[in-house]
Amino acid sequence: GSLRPTHLYNVRQEGGKRLVHGCFVKSSKWAPDGSVLITNSEDNILRLYNLPESLRNQTSPPAAPAPSAFTPILSMTEGECIYDYSWYPKMSERSNSCFAASTRDHPIHLWDSLSGKLRATYRAYNDVGEVIAAYSLAFSPTGEKLVGGYRGAVRVFDSETAGEAQDIRPTSIKISKRRSGMSGVVSSVCFSPTHWNIFGAGSFSSQFAVYDLRIPCGRYLATAARKDGSIKLWDLRLTGRTWSGEFRDAE
């Protein structure tokens, strides 16, 4: 027969105090290693819950005990409505235990899931210099990049470097007074589990697009010389140093 879900734990209070009426849970996500659960609630607080030791090494379905209390180990308070959050995929080491969260009218925050402290911020600005929030988030499978979905664009951040995006990719372009491409807010971002540089993005306009992190966006220059078997790709932000190269038959 098919397995039926077993009710194991309830969350009704935090720190000895009963949760405020109306503070409902909007979403939850397990960490990549399955050891920690994070929840996003209406009170703009992100709460972390450890998977109990009794369940970590269990290989068979548990018996149906009376539901037990489930208490958060950490709470991180954001300033506004939380749009999205994403676990760092390579969190097997202590130093990598973190997740990113996006909040209305705030930059992206990188939170330490062991201490609850803020590690870094990733910022995006509109045309008048105001901070704008990402509506969706996703780390690349390698953890090197963090992609944020914004209104009319996706931004690619270097996860190891706090600050502004390395790459801004508009989701639509203007052709003959009309816009072509995916319009509106990018509400969902996800990476391919097998092709690590490929990610998809969906918008509130019922459209979907696929992007490749490897495709240059105006910041690279390819050069080739007569009787030279190399084709060099230059990063224009780091002049004097090649970004990559290919070889050809120059005879």
C-alpha atoms as a PDB file:
ATOM      1  CA  GLY A   1       0.000   0.000   0.000  1.00  0.00           C
ATOM      2  CA  SER A   2       0.951   3.655  -0.313  1.00  0.00           C
ATOM      3  CA  LEU A   3       2.607   5.529   2.545  1.00  0.00           C
ATOM      4  CA  ARG A   4       0.506   8.084   4.371  1.00  0.00           C
ATOM      5  CA  PRO A   5       1.997  11.246   5.958  1.00  0.00           C
ATOM      6  CA  THR A   6       2.427  11.028   9.723  1.00  0.00           C
ATOM      7  CA  HIS A   7       1.763  14.067  11.912  1.00  0.00           C
ATOM      8  CA  LEU A   8       4.874  14.470  14.079  1.00  0.00           C
ATOM      9  CA  TYR A   9       5.221  18.072  15.292  1.00  0.00           C
ATOM     10  CA  ASN A  10       3.222  21.233  15.978  1.00  0.00           C
ATOM     11  CA  VAL A  11       4.455  24.824  16.182  1.00  0.00           C
ATOM     12  CA  ARG A  12       2.210  26.772  18.506  1.00  0.00           C
ATOM     13  CA  GLN A  13       4.605  28.891  20.544  1.00  0.00           C
ATOM     14  CA  GLU A  14       8.023  30.507  20.431  1.00  0.00           C
ATOM     15  CA  GLY A  15      10.263  31.216  23.413  1.00  0.00           C
ATOM     16  CA  GLY A  16       7.518  30.192  25.814  1.00  0.00           C
ATOM     17  CA  LYS A  17       5.055  32.646  24.271  1.00  0.00           C
ATOM     18  CA  ARG A  18       2.128  31.692  22.105  1.00  0.00           C
ATOM     19  CA  LEU A  19       2.417  32.919  18.512  1.00  0.00           C
ATOM     20  CA  VAL A  20       0.408  36.046  17.699  1.00  0.00           C
ATOM     21  CA  HIS A  21      -3.030  35.366  16.233  1.00  0.00           C
ATOM     22  CA  GLY A  22      -2.940  35.791  12.461  1.00  0.00           C
ATOM     23  CA  CYS A  23       0.798  35.104  12.222  1.00  0.00           C
ATOM     24  CA  PHE A  24       0.419  32.424   9.597  1.00  0.00           C
ATOM     25  CA  VAL A  25       3.269  30.638   7.806  1.00  0.00           C
ATOM     26  CA  LYS A  26       3.570  31.641   4.138  1.00  0.00           C
ATOM     27  CA  SER A  27       6.170  29.121   3.030  1.00  0.00           C
ATOM     28  CA  SER A  28       8.932  26.790   4.192  1.00  0.00           C
ATOM     29  CA  LYS A  29      12.096  25.298   2.683  1.00  0.00           C
ATOM     30  CA  TRP A  30      14.435  22.525   3.786  1.00  0.00           C
ATOM     31  CA  ALA A  31      18.186  23.109   3.735  1.00  0.00           C
ATOM     32  CA  PRO A  32      20.090  21.164   1.041  1.00  0.00           C
ATOM     33  CA  ASP A  33      21.345  18.645   3.607  1.00  0.00           C
ATOM     34  CA  GLY A  34      17.868  18.199   5.114  1.00  0.00           C
ATOM     35  CA  SER A  35      18.968  19.139   8.620  1.00  0.00           C
ATOM     36  CA  VAL A  36      17.240  22.527   8.991  1.00  0.00           C
ATOM     37  CA  LEU A  37      13.842  23.910   8.012  1.00  0.00           C
ATOM     38  CA  ILE A  38      13.243  27.619   7.453  1.00  0.00           C
ATOM     39  CA  THR A  39       9.811  29.261   7.508  1.00  0.00           C
ATOM     40  CA  ASN A  40       8.555  32.648   6.351  1.00  0.00           C
ATOM     41  CA  SER A  41       5.666  34.084   8.383  1.00  0.00           C
ATOM     42  CA  GLU A  42       3.275  37.015   8.096  1.00  0.00           C
ATOM     43  CA  ASP A  43       5.137  38.865  10.892  1.00  0.00           C
ATOM     44  CA  ASN A  44       8.196  39.231   8.568  1.00  0.00           C
ATOM     45  CA  ILE A  45      10.294  36.823  10.634  1.00  0.00           C
ATOM     46  CA  LEU A  46      12.350  33.949   9.227  1.00  0.00           C
ATOM     47  CA  ARG A  47      12.504  31.043  11.685  1.00  0.00           C
ATOM     48  CA  LEU A  48      14.883  28.088  11.647  1.00  0.00           C
ATOM     49  CA  TYR A  49      14.013  24.650  13.021  1.00  0.00           C
ATOM     50  CA  ASN A  50      16.429  21.762  13.470  1.00  0.00           C
ATOM     51  CA  LEU A  51      15.344  18.314  12.350  1.00  0.00           C
ATOM     52  CA  PRO A  52      15.207  16.314  15.624  1.00  0.00           C
ATOM     53  CA  GLU A  53      17.990  13.788  16.157  1.00  0.00           C
ATOM     54  CA  SER A  54      15.412  11.026  16.504  1.00  0.00           C
ATOM     55  CA  LEU A  55      14.437  11.497  12.858  1.00  0.00           C
ATOM     56  CA  ARG A  56      17.810  12.169  11.213  1.00  0.00           C
ATOM     57  CA  ASN A  57      19.020   8.583  10.885  1.00  0.00           C
ATOM     58  CA  GLN A  58      15.635   6.946  10.631  1.00  0.00           C
ATOM     59  CA  THR A  59      15.306   4.712   7.579  1.00  0.00           C
ATOM     60  CA  SER A  60      11.769   3.436   8.047  1.00  0.00           C
ATOM     61  CA  PRO A  61       8.505   5.355   8.526  1.00  0.00           C
ATOM     62  CA  PRO A  62       8.054   6.310  12.193  1.00  0.00           C
ATOM     63  CA  ALA A  63       5.196   5.126  14.319  1.00  0.00           C
ATOM     64  CA  ALA A  64       2.485   7.716  14.885  1.00  0.00           C
ATOM     65  CA  PRO A  65       3.359   9.408  18.194  1.00  0.00           C
ATOM     66  CA  ALA A  66       1.423  12.229  19.770  1.00  0.00           C
ATOM     67  CA  PRO A  67       2.409  15.481  17.984  1.00  0.00           C
ATOM     68  CA  SER A  68       5.270  17.187  19.844  1.00  0.00           C
ATOM     69  CA  ALA A  69       6.213  20.836  20.145  1.00  0.00           C
ATOM     70  CA  PHE A  70       8.639  22.169  17.550  1.00  0.00           C
ATOM     71  CA  THR A  71      10.666  25.199  18.709  1.00  0.00           C
ATOM     72  CA  PRO A  72      12.757  27.468  16.447  1.00  0.00           C
ATOM     73  CA  ILE A  73      16.494  27.610  17.110  1.00  0.00           C
ATOM     74  CA  LEU A  74      16.929  31.037  15.481  1.00  0.00           C
ATOM     75  CA  SER A  75      14.783  33.930  14.276  1.00  0.00           C
ATOM     76  CA  MET A  76      15.781  36.641  11.812  1.00  0.00           C
ATOM     77  CA  THR A  77      13.551  39.701  11.563  1.00  0.00           C
ATOM     78  CA  GLU A  78      13.266  41.529   8.244  1.00  0.00           C
ATOM     79  CA  GLY A  79      12.001  45.096   7.903  1.00  0.00           C
ATOM     80  CA  GLU A  80       9.205  44.475   5.407  1.00  0.00           C
ATOM     81  CA  CYS A  81       7.264  41.754   3.623  1.00  0.00           C
ATOM     82  CA  ILE A  82       9.579  38.862   2.665  1.00  0.00           C
ATOM     83  CA  TYR A  83       9.386  38.076  -1.055  1.00  0.00           C
ATOM     84  CA  ASP A  84      11.661  35.057  -1.350  1.00  0.00           C
ATOM     85  CA  TYR A  85      14.623  33.226   0.201  1.00  0.00           C
ATOM     86  CA  SER A  86      17.102  30.628  -0.989  1.00  0.00           C
ATOM     87  CA  TRP A  87      19.506  28.279   0.781  1.00  0.00           C
ATOM     88  CA  TYR A  88      23.176  28.299  -0.194  1.00  0.00           C
ATOM     89  CA  PRO A  89      23.591  24.930  -1.977  1.00  0.00           C
ATOM     90  CA  LYS A  90      27.071  24.032  -0.634  1.00  0.00           C
ATOM     91  CA  MET A  91      26.355  24.119   3.094  1.00  0.00           C
ATOM     92  CA  SER A  92      28.151  20.921   4.142  1.00  0.00           C
ATOM     93  CA  GLU A  93      30.789  22.999   5.953  1.00  0.00           C
ATOM     94  CA  ARG A  94      30.075  25.331   8.863  1.00  0.00           C
ATOM     95  CA  SER A  95      31.387  28.341   6.973  1.00  0.00           C
ATOM     96  CA  ASN A  96      28.832  27.723   4.213  1.00  0.00           C
ATOM     97  CA  SER A  97      25.716  27.540   6.405  1.00  0.00           C
ATOM     98  CA  CYS A  98      23.760  30.500   5.112  1.00  0.00           C
ATOM     99  CA  PHE A  99      20.795  31.611   3.017  1.00  0.00           C
ATOM    100  CA  ALA A 100      19.731  34.701   1.082  1.00  0.00           C
ATOM    101  CA  ALA A 101      16.461  36.561   1.623  1.00  0.00           C
ATOM    102  CA  SER A 102      14.750  39.365  -0.276  1.00  0.00           C
ATOM    103  CA  THR A 103      12.435  41.890   1.353  1.00  0.00           C
ATOM    104  CA  ARG A 104      10.279  44.704  -0.011  1.00  0.00           C
ATOM    105  CA  ASP A 105      12.262  47.977  -0.474  1.00  0.00           C
ATOM    106  CA  HIS A 106      15.443  46.362   0.890  1.00  0.00           C
ATOM    107  CA  PRO A 107      18.603  44.853  -0.605  1.00  0.00           C
ATOM    108  CA  ILE A 108      19.146  41.094  -0.588  1.00  0.00           C
ATOM    109  CA  HIS A 109      20.393  39.885   2.793  1.00  0.00           C
ATOM    110  CA  LEU A 110      22.733  36.919   3.310  1.00  0.00           C
ATOM    111  CA  TRP A 111      22.014  35.407   6.738  1.00  0.00           C
ATOM    112  CA  ASP A 112      24.232  33.035   8.737  1.00  0.00           C
ATOM    113  CA  SER A 113      22.042  30.049   9.664  1.00  0.00           C
ATOM    114  CA  LEU A 114      24.221  29.139  12.681  1.00  0.00           C
ATOM    115  CA  SER A 115      24.470  32.521  14.395  1.00  0.00           C
ATOM    116  CA  GLY A 116      21.500  34.417  12.918  1.00  0.00           C
ATOM    117  CA  LYS A 117      23.807  37.310  12.002  1.00  0.00           C
ATOM    118  CA  LEU A 118      23.823  39.248   8.742  1.00  0.00           C
ATOM    119  CA  ARG A 119      26.794  38.248   6.577  1.00  0.00           C
ATOM    120  CA  ALA A 120      26.415  40.429   3.488  1.00  0.00           C
ATOM    121  CA  THR A 121      24.033  42.495   1.372  1.00  0.00           C
ATOM    122  CA  TYR A 122      23.552  42.547  -2.399  1.00  0.00           C
ATOM    123  CA  ARG A 123      22.130  45.775  -3.778  1.00  0.00           C
ATOM    124  CA  ALA A 124      20.202  46.796  -6.875  1.00  0.00           C
ATOM    125  CA  TYR A 125      19.144  50.325  -7.819  1.00  0.00           C
ATOM    126  CA  ASN A 126      16.546  51.857 -10.106  1.00  0.00           C
ATOM    127  CA  ASP A 127      17.109  54.738 -12.530  1.00  0.00           C
ATOM    128  CA  VAL A 128      16.927  57.356  -9.764  1.00  0.00           C
ATOM    129  CA  GLY A 129      19.315  55.594  -7.384  1.00  0.00           C
ATOM    130  CA  GLU A 130      16.739  54.026  -5.070  1.00  0.00           C
ATOM    131  CA  VAL A 131      17.270  50.527  -3.660  1.00  0.00           C
ATOM    132  CA  ILE A 132      14.908  48.001  -5.232  1.00  0.00           C
ATOM    133  CA  ALA A 133      14.059  44.521  -4.014  1.00  0.00           C
ATOM    134  CA  ALA A 134      14.315  41.184  -5.782  1.00  0.00           C
ATOM    135  CA  TYR A 135      10.999  39.364  -6.109  1.00  0.00           C
ATOM    136  CA  SER A 136      12.655  35.955  -6.532  1.00  0.00           C
ATOM    137  CA  LEU A 137      16.026  34.385  -5.694  1.00  0.00           C
ATOM    138  CA  ALA A 138      18.102  31.362  -6.663  1.00  0.00           C
ATOM    139  CA  PHE A 139      21.710  30.308  -6.126  1.00  0.00           C
ATOM    140  CA  SER A 140      23.485  28.532  -8.941  1.00  0.00           C
ATOM    141  CA  PRO A 141      24.133  24.830  -8.113  1.00  0.00           C
ATOM    142  CA  THR A 142      27.817  25.624  -7.508  1.00  0.00           C
ATOM    143  CA  GLY A 143      26.932  28.487  -5.166  1.00  0.00           C
ATOM    144  CA  GLU A 144      29.123  30.926  -7.095  1.00  0.00           C
ATOM    145  CA  LYS A 145      26.265  33.077  -8.392  1.00  0.00           C
ATOM    146  CA  LEU A 146      23.074  34.460  -6.901  1.00  0.00           C
ATOM    147  CA  VAL A 147      20.342  35.426  -9.366  1.00  0.00           C
ATOM    148  CA  GLY A 148      17.582  37.861  -8.457  1.00  0.00           C
ATOM    149  CA  GLY A 149      14.376  38.437 -10.377  1.00  0.00           C
ATOM    150  CA  TYR A 150      13.322  42.096 -10.628  1.00  0.00           C
ATOM    151  CA  ARG A 151      10.760  44.109 -12.572  1.00  0.00           C
ATOM    152  CA  GLY A 152      11.860  43.852 -16.195  1.00  0.00           C
ATOM    153  CA  ALA A 153      15.278  42.318 -15.476  1.00  0.00           C
ATOM    154  CA  VAL A 154      17.293  39.572 -13.843  1.00  0.00           C
ATOM    155  CA  ARG A 155      20.472  40.487 -11.988  1.00  0.00           C
ATOM    156  CA  VAL A 156      23.420  38.171 -11.406  1.00  0.00           C
ATOM    157  CA  PHE A 157      25.510  38.669  -8.245  1.00  0.00           C
ATOM    158  CA  ASP A 158      28.840  37.115  -7.290  1.00  0.00           C
ATOM    159  CA  SER A 159      27.900  35.359  -4.045  1.00  0.00           C
ATOM    160  CA  GLU A 160      31.380  35.922  -2.566  1.00  0.00           C
ATOM    161  CA  THR A 161      31.346  39.664  -3.258  1.00  0.00           C
ATOM    162  CA  ALA A 162      28.832  41.893  -1.503  1.00  0.00           C
ATOM    163  CA  GLY A 163      27.547  44.924  -3.371  1.00  0.00           C
ATOM    164  CA  GLU A 164      26.010  45.479  -6.784  1.00  0.00           C
ATOM    165  CA  ALA A 165      25.222  42.930  -9.484  1.00  0.00           C
ATOM    166  CA  GLN A 166      27.913  41.787 -11.893  1.00  0.00           C
ATOM    167  CA  ASP A 167      25.428  41.423 -14.697  1.00  0.00           C
ATOM    168  CA  ILE A 168      22.040  43.003 -15.464  1.00  0.00           C
ATOM    169  CA  ARG A 169      19.935  41.315 -18.126  1.00  0.00           C
ATOM    170  CA  PRO A 170      16.751  43.071 -19.283  1.00  0.00           C
ATOM    171  CA  THR A 171      13.988  40.561 -19.951  1.00  0.00           C
ATOM    172  CA  SER A 172      12.620  42.552 -22.880  1.00  0.00           C
ATOM    173  CA  ILE A 173      13.903  44.974 -25.516  1.00  0.00           C
ATOM    174  CA  LYS A 174      12.249  47.799 -27.458  1.00  0.00           C
ATOM    175  CA  ILE A 175      11.918  47.193 -31.193  1.00  0.00           C
ATOM    176  CA  SER A 176      10.097  49.705 -33.431  1.00  0.00           C
ATOM    177  CA  LYS A 177       8.279  51.342 -30.506  1.00  0.00           C
ATOM    178  CA  ARG A 178       7.148  47.952 -29.161  1.00  0.00           C
ATOM    179  CA  ARG A 179       8.685  45.770 -26.496  1.00  0.00           C
ATOM    180  CA  SER A 180       9.659  42.212 -27.295  1.00  0.00           C
ATOM    181  CA  GLY A 181      10.425  39.525 -24.729  1.00  0.00           C
ATOM    182  CA  MET A 182       9.242  38.758 -21.213  1.00  0.00           C
ATOM    183  CA  SER A 183       7.565  41.693 -19.490  1.00  0.00           C
ATOM    184  CA  GLY A 184       6.630  42.437 -15.898  1.00  0.00           C
ATOM    185  CA  VAL A 185       7.963  41.230 -12.555  1.00  0.00           C
ATOM    186  CA  VAL A 186      10.240  38.176 -12.606  1.00  0.00           C
ATOM    187  CA  SER A 187       8.430  36.183  -9.943  1.00  0.00           C
ATOM    188  CA  SER A 188      10.309  32.880 -10.152  1.00  0.00           C
ATOM    189  CA  VAL A 189      13.901  31.800 -10.844  1.00  0.00           C
ATOM    190  CA  CYS A 190      15.319  28.264 -10.913  1.00  0.00           C
ATOM    191  CA  PHE A 191      18.523  26.573 -12.117  1.00  0.00           C
ATOM    192  CA  SER A 192      18.844  23.375 -14.101  1.00  0.00           C
ATOM    193  CA  PRO A 193      20.182  20.575 -11.829  1.00  0.00           C
ATOM    194  CA  THR A 194      22.252  19.101 -14.691  1.00  0.00           C
ATOM    195  CA  HIS A 195      23.336  22.186 -16.687  1.00  0.00           C
ATOM    196  CA  TRP A 196      24.627  24.461 -13.955  1.00  0.00           C
ATOM    197  CA  ASN A 197      24.880  27.625 -16.047  1.00  0.00           C
ATOM    198  CA  ILE A 198      21.291  27.441 -17.303  1.00  0.00           C
ATOM    199  CA  PHE A 199      18.434  29.037 -15.376  1.00  0.00           C
ATOM    200  CA  GLY A 200      14.797  29.709 -16.099  1.00  0.00           C
ATOM    201  CA  ALA A 201      12.763  32.762 -15.131  1.00  0.00           C
ATOM    202  CA  GLY A 202       9.009  33.260 -15.060  1.00  0.00           C
ATOM    203  CA  SER A 203       7.023  36.469 -14.751  1.00  0.00           C
ATOM    204  CA  PHE A 204       3.618  37.674 -13.613  1.00  0.00           C
ATOM    205  CA  SER A 205       2.827  38.203 -17.303  1.00  0.00           C
ATOM    206  CA  SER A 206       2.502  34.407 -17.769  1.00  0.00           C
ATOM    207  CA  GLN A 207       5.760  34.255 -19.713  1.00  0.00           C
ATOM    208  CA  PHE A 208       8.897  32.163 -19.202  1.00  0.00           C
ATOM    209  CA  ALA A 209      12.465  32.560 -20.467  1.00  0.00           C
ATOM    210  CA  VAL A 210      15.701  30.549 -20.286  1.00  0.00           C
ATOM    211  CA  TYR A 211      19.113  32.169 -19.751  1.00  0.00           C
ATOM    212  CA  ASP A 212      22.743  31.039 -19.893  1.00  0.00           C
ATOM    213  CA  LEU A 213      25.239  32.557 -17.460  1.00  0.00           C
ATOM    214  CA  ARG A 214      28.055  31.940 -19.957  1.00  0.00           C
ATOM    215  CA  ILE A 215      26.664  34.153 -22.712  1.00  0.00           C
ATOM    216  CA  PRO A 216      28.401  37.568 -22.596  1.00  0.00           C
ATOM    217  CA  CYS A 217      26.333  40.714 -22.234  1.00  0.00           C
ATOM    218  CA  GLY A 218      28.432  43.519 -23.725  1.00  0.00           C
ATOM    219  CA  ARG A 219      31.241  43.346 -21.165  1.00  0.00           C
ATOM    220  CA  TYR A 220      33.532  41.059 -23.111  1.00  0.00           C
ATOM    221  CA  LEU A 221      35.589  41.467 -26.291  1.00  0.00           C
ATOM    222  CA  ALA A 222      36.838  38.635 -28.498  1.00  0.00           C
ATOM    223  CA  THR A 223      40.035  39.202 -30.512  1.00  0.00           C
ATOM    224  CA  ALA A 224      41.912  37.187 -33.128  1.00  0.00           C
ATOM    225  CA  ALA A 225      45.092  37.995 -35.065  1.00  0.00           C
ATOM    226  CA  ARG A 226      46.428  36.943 -38.458  1.00  0.00           C
ATOM    227  CA  LYS A 227      48.558  33.768 -38.267  1.00  0.00           C
ATOM    228  CA  ASP A 228      47.782  33.477 -34.566  1.00  0.00           C
ATOM    229  CA  GLY A 229      46.090  30.254 -33.463  1.00  0.00           C
ATOM    230  CA  SER A 230      44.423  31.783 -30.396  1.00  0.00           C
ATOM    231  CA  ILE A 231      41.087  33.550 -29.952  1.00  0.00           C
ATOM    232  CA  LYS A 232      41.115  35.592 -26.752  1.00  0.00           C
ATOM    233  CA  LEU A 233      38.129  36.764 -24.743  1.00  0.00           C
ATOM    234  CA  TRP A 234      38.758  39.916 -22.711  1.00  0.00           C
ATOM    235  CA  ASP A 235      36.812  41.155 -19.699  1.00  0.00           C
ATOM    236  CA  LEU A 236      36.542  44.898 -20.344  1.00  0.00           C
ATOM    237  CA  ARG A 237      36.318  45.575 -16.603  1.00  0.00           C
ATOM    238  CA  LEU A 238      39.753  43.993 -16.093  1.00  0.00           C
ATOM    239  CA  THR A 239      41.763  45.347 -19.004  1.00  0.00           C
ATOM    240  CA  GLY A 240      45.129  43.762 -19.585  1.00  0.00           C
ATOM    241  CA  ARG A 241      44.005  40.284 -18.585  1.00  0.00           C
ATOM    242  CA  THR A 242      42.222  37.667 -20.709  1.00  0.00           C
ATOM    243  CA  TRP A 243      39.099  36.015 -19.341  1.00  0.00           C
ATOM    244  CA  SER A 244      39.372  32.839 -21.467  1.00  0.00           C
ATOM    245  CA  GLY A 245      40.699  31.611 -24.777  1.00  0.00           C
ATOM    246  CA  GLU A 246      40.156  29.151 -27.610  1.00  0.00           C
ATOM    247  CA  PHE A 247      42.499  27.748 -30.259  1.00  0.00           C
ATOM    248  CA  ARG A 248      42.085  27.376 -34.014  1.00  0.00           C
ATOM    249  CA  ASP A 249      44.070  26.302 -37.052  1.00  0.00           C
ATOM    250  CA  ALA A 250      45.823  29.463 -38.257  1.00  0.00           C
ATOM    251  CA  GLU A 251      47.905  27.901 -41.042  1.00  0.00           C
END
